[in-house]
N, C-alpha and C. Protein backbone atom coordinates (compact mmCIF):
# COMPACT_ATOMS: atom_id res chain seq x y z
N UNK A 1 0.84 -1.15 0.11
CA UNK A 1 -0.01 0.10 0.02
C UNK A 1 0.98 1.35 -0.01
N UNK A 2 0.57 2.21 -0.71
CA UNK A 2 1.29 3.57 -0.91
C UNK A 2 0.40 4.70 -0.40
N UNK A 3 1.04 5.25 0.59
CA UNK A 3 0.08 6.72 1.10
C UNK A 3 0.89 7.65 0.69
N UNK A 4 0.13 8.58 0.12
CA UNK A 4 0.68 9.98 -0.43
C UNK A 4 0.05 11.00 0.19
N UNK A 5 0.83 11.90 0.87
CA UNK A 5 0.18 13.10 1.32
C UNK A 5 0.53 14.47 0.75
N UNK A 6 -0.40 15.12 0.55
CA UNK A 6 0.00 16.61 -0.33
C UNK A 6 0.10 17.86 0.72
N UNK A 7 1.38 18.58 0.60
CA UNK A 7 1.42 19.87 1.51
C UNK A 7 1.36 21.17 0.78
N UNK A 8 0.96 22.03 1.44
CA UNK A 8 1.21 23.61 0.97
C UNK A 8 1.44 24.10 2.24
N UNK A 9 2.66 24.74 2.09
CA UNK A 9 3.05 25.62 3.23
C UNK A 9 3.22 24.67 4.72
N UNK A 10 3.48 23.42 4.61
CA UNK A 10 3.43 22.54 5.75
C UNK A 10 2.21 21.94 6.06
N UNK A 11 1.22 22.48 5.57
CA UNK A 11 -0.31 21.89 5.90
C UNK A 11 -0.50 20.69 5.04
N UNK A 12 -1.02 19.63 5.74
CA UNK A 12 -1.57 18.57 4.66
C UNK A 12 -2.81 18.81 3.99
N UNK A 13 -3.00 18.68 2.78
CA UNK A 13 -4.26 18.90 2.16
C UNK A 13 -5.23 17.83 1.92
N UNK A 14 -4.49 16.77 1.61
CA UNK A 14 -5.40 15.44 1.66
C UNK A 14 -4.32 14.19 1.46
N UNK A 15 -4.92 13.24 1.86
CA UNK A 15 -4.49 11.78 1.90
C UNK A 15 -4.70 11.12 0.77
N UNK A 16 -3.96 10.25 -0.33
CA UNK A 16 -4.36 9.48 -1.26
C UNK A 16 -3.91 8.09 -0.95
N UNK A 17 -4.58 7.02 -0.94
CA UNK A 17 -4.18 5.74 -0.64
C UNK A 17 -4.17 5.07 -2.06
N UNK A 18 -3.16 4.39 -2.49
CA UNK A 18 -2.89 3.49 -3.47
C UNK A 18 -2.73 1.96 -3.07
N UNK A 19 -3.70 1.13 -3.30
CA UNK A 19 -3.46 -0.33 -2.84
C UNK A 19 -3.34 -1.10 -4.14
N UNK A 20 -2.05 -2.01 -4.19
CA UNK A 20 -1.72 -2.74 -5.19
C UNK A 20 -2.46 -4.25 -4.93
N UNK A 21 -3.50 -4.48 -5.66
CA UNK A 21 -4.19 -5.49 -5.44
C UNK A 21 -3.72 -6.66 -6.11
N UNK A 22 -3.49 -7.97 -5.34
CA UNK A 22 -2.69 -9.04 -6.02
C UNK A 22 -3.39 -9.53 -7.41
N UNK A 23 -2.75 -9.58 -8.07
CA UNK A 23 -3.20 -10.13 -9.75
C UNK A 23 -4.22 -9.19 -10.17
N UNK A 24 -4.25 -8.10 -9.73
CA UNK A 24 -5.22 -7.12 -10.03
C UNK A 24 -4.84 -5.60 -10.39
N UNK A 25 -5.68 -4.60 -10.13
CA UNK A 25 -5.66 -3.48 -10.35
C UNK A 25 -4.88 -2.65 -9.17
N UNK A 26 -4.76 -1.25 -9.53
CA UNK A 26 -4.29 -0.40 -8.35
C UNK A 26 -5.52 0.32 -7.97
N UNK A 27 -5.96 0.27 -6.72
CA UNK A 27 -6.95 0.69 -5.88
C UNK A 27 -6.60 1.99 -5.50
N UNK A 28 -7.37 3.12 -5.96
CA UNK A 28 -6.96 4.36 -5.76
C UNK A 28 -8.17 5.19 -4.77
N UNK A 29 -7.78 5.53 -3.76
CA UNK A 29 -8.70 6.23 -2.84
C UNK A 29 -8.40 7.60 -2.30
N UNK A 30 -8.96 8.60 -2.57
CA UNK A 30 -8.95 9.85 -2.10
C UNK A 30 -8.97 10.84 -3.32
N UNK A 31 -8.95 12.16 -3.25
CA UNK A 31 -9.18 13.08 -4.14
C UNK A 31 -7.83 13.15 -5.11
N UNK A 32 -7.81 12.77 -6.36
CA UNK A 32 -6.82 12.93 -7.01
C UNK A 32 -7.37 13.45 -8.30
N UNK A 33 -6.45 14.17 -8.96
CA UNK A 33 -6.72 14.48 -10.54
C UNK A 33 -5.78 13.48 -11.43
N UNK A 34 -6.50 12.70 -12.27
CA UNK A 34 -5.78 12.04 -13.18
C UNK A 34 -5.76 12.59 -14.58
N UNK A 35 -4.56 12.53 -15.05
CA UNK A 35 -4.40 13.44 -16.47
C UNK A 35 -3.52 12.50 -17.16
N UNK A 36 -3.94 12.63 -18.67
CA UNK A 36 -3.10 11.88 -19.56
C UNK A 36 -1.87 12.76 -19.94
N UNK A 37 -0.87 12.22 -20.74
CA UNK A 37 0.30 12.71 -21.27
C UNK A 37 -0.05 14.32 -22.06
N UNK A 38 -1.13 14.38 -22.51
CA UNK A 38 -1.54 15.40 -23.39
C UNK A 38 -2.13 16.28 -22.56
N UNK A 39 -2.39 16.15 -21.46
CA UNK A 39 -3.20 17.15 -20.40
C UNK A 39 -4.88 16.72 -20.38
N UNK A 40 -5.25 15.86 -20.82
CA UNK A 40 -6.62 15.74 -20.71
C UNK A 40 -7.03 15.02 -19.58
N UNK A 41 -8.03 15.43 -18.56
CA UNK A 41 -8.53 15.20 -17.32
C UNK A 41 -9.51 14.13 -17.68
N UNK A 42 -9.14 12.96 -16.58
CA UNK A 42 -10.24 12.07 -16.54
C UNK A 42 -11.21 12.12 -15.45
N UNK A 43 -12.53 12.07 -15.51
CA UNK A 43 -13.30 12.10 -14.48
C UNK A 43 -13.16 10.88 -13.64
N UNK A 44 -13.01 11.17 -12.06
CA UNK A 44 -12.76 10.02 -11.31
C UNK A 44 -13.58 10.35 -10.27
N UNK A 45 -13.86 9.03 -9.44
CA UNK A 45 -14.67 9.14 -8.19
C UNK A 45 -13.93 9.00 -7.01
N UNK A 46 -14.41 9.24 -5.93
CA UNK A 46 -13.34 9.16 -4.55
C UNK A 46 -12.71 7.83 -4.58
N UNK A 47 -13.12 6.71 -5.08
CA UNK A 47 -12.32 5.44 -5.09
C UNK A 47 -12.51 5.04 -6.64
N UNK A 48 -11.53 4.57 -7.25
CA UNK A 48 -11.53 3.87 -8.39
C UNK A 48 -10.46 3.01 -8.53
N UNK A 49 -10.46 1.91 -9.67
CA UNK A 49 -9.33 1.15 -9.87
C UNK A 49 -8.67 1.44 -11.20
N UNK A 50 -7.21 1.35 -11.23
CA UNK A 50 -6.55 1.59 -12.44
C UNK A 50 -5.94 0.21 -13.00
N UNK A 51 -6.03 0.06 -14.24
CA UNK A 51 -5.64 -1.17 -14.95
C UNK A 51 -4.14 -1.34 -14.93
N UNK A 52 -3.58 -2.37 -14.53
CA UNK A 52 -2.38 -2.63 -14.54
C UNK A 52 -2.05 -3.86 -15.45
N UNK A 53 -2.74 -4.52 -15.97
CA UNK A 53 -2.75 -5.51 -16.90
C UNK A 53 -2.87 -5.28 -18.46
N UNK A 54 -3.46 -4.25 -18.80
CA UNK A 54 -3.23 -3.73 -20.20
C UNK A 54 -4.61 -4.54 -20.96
N UNK A 55 -5.52 -5.32 -20.33
CA UNK A 55 -6.70 -5.86 -20.76
C UNK A 55 -7.90 -5.20 -20.73
N UNK A 56 -7.84 -4.16 -19.99
CA UNK A 56 -9.30 -3.23 -19.76
C UNK A 56 -9.53 -2.58 -20.89
N UNK A 57 -10.93 -2.62 -21.49
CA UNK A 57 -11.54 -1.86 -22.54
C UNK A 57 -11.61 -0.44 -21.90
N UNK A 58 -11.48 -0.08 -20.90
CA UNK A 58 -11.75 1.29 -20.35
C UNK A 58 -10.76 1.86 -19.69
N UNK A 59 -9.43 1.47 -20.08
CA UNK A 59 -8.17 1.98 -19.66
C UNK A 59 -8.29 3.40 -19.55
N UNK A 60 -7.72 4.35 -18.73
CA UNK A 60 -6.65 3.43 -17.84
C UNK A 60 -7.36 2.84 -16.64
N UNK A 61 -8.69 2.91 -16.35
CA UNK A 61 -9.55 2.32 -15.49
C UNK A 61 -9.64 0.83 -15.74
N UNK A 62 -9.84 0.01 -14.59
CA UNK A 62 -9.88 -1.30 -14.61
C UNK A 62 -11.48 -1.65 -14.80
N UNK A 63 -11.73 -2.79 -15.79
CA UNK A 63 -12.91 -3.24 -15.93
C UNK A 63 -13.16 -4.62 -15.53
N UNK A 64 -11.98 -5.26 -14.81
CA UNK A 64 -12.32 -6.67 -14.30
C UNK A 64 -11.63 -7.62 -15.65
N UNK A 65 -11.31 -7.50 -16.67
CA UNK A 65 -10.91 -8.22 -17.68
C UNK A 65 -9.67 -9.00 -17.28
N UNK A 66 -9.00 -8.54 -16.13
CA UNK A 66 -7.62 -9.43 -15.69
C UNK A 66 -8.06 -10.57 -15.14
N UNK A 67 -9.23 -10.90 -14.73
CA UNK A 67 -9.59 -11.90 -13.68
C UNK A 67 -9.12 -13.14 -14.61
N UNK A 68 -8.44 -14.11 -13.77
CA UNK A 68 -8.08 -15.44 -14.36
C UNK A 68 -6.85 -15.24 -15.54
N UNK A 69 -6.73 -14.16 -16.05
CA UNK A 69 -5.92 -13.80 -17.22
C UNK A 69 -4.34 -13.40 -16.76
N UNK A 70 -4.43 -12.45 -15.62
CA UNK A 70 -3.30 -11.71 -15.33
C UNK A 70 -2.66 -12.15 -14.06
N UNK A 71 -1.24 -12.36 -14.30
CA UNK A 71 -0.41 -12.84 -12.99
C UNK A 71 0.55 -11.88 -12.75
N UNK A 72 0.65 -11.16 -11.68
CA UNK A 72 1.48 -9.99 -11.20
C UNK A 72 2.93 -10.86 -10.93
N UNK A 73 3.77 -9.78 -10.65
CA UNK A 73 5.07 -10.20 -10.09
C UNK A 73 4.94 -10.46 -8.80
N UNK A 74 5.78 -11.25 -8.22
CA UNK A 74 5.82 -11.31 -6.64
C UNK A 74 5.83 -10.07 -6.03
N UNK A 75 5.24 -9.96 -4.85
CA UNK A 75 5.38 -8.92 -4.15
C UNK A 75 6.83 -8.28 -3.79
N UNK A 76 7.01 -7.18 -3.88
CA UNK A 76 8.29 -6.54 -3.36
C UNK A 76 8.47 -7.08 -1.79
N UNK A 77 9.86 -7.43 -1.58
CA UNK A 77 10.24 -7.93 -0.50
C UNK A 77 11.22 -6.80 0.08
N UNK A 78 11.02 -6.30 1.22
CA UNK A 78 12.12 -5.27 1.83
C UNK A 78 13.42 -6.25 2.18
N UNK A 79 14.52 -5.69 1.75
CA UNK A 79 15.74 -6.24 2.21
C UNK A 79 16.25 -5.73 3.49
N UNK A 80 16.51 -6.68 4.51
CA UNK A 80 17.31 -5.99 5.80
C UNK A 80 18.41 -5.09 5.66
């Protein structure tokens, strides 16, 4: 799980959580602005999933097309 905090003048504005789902999407919770490389803004909800398998017909959003077809790499392991 990745937690991102945004600060302006030392004050926290919002907290965003990105949860890496096993063999699935990236689950995003929090207020974020999702923009493509051309500057186009995607409409998002307070919680949404991003595709990481490339099979979704709604990219960059997940539509569940990965189920039974996508095998993610092993989880990252912290080294001592």
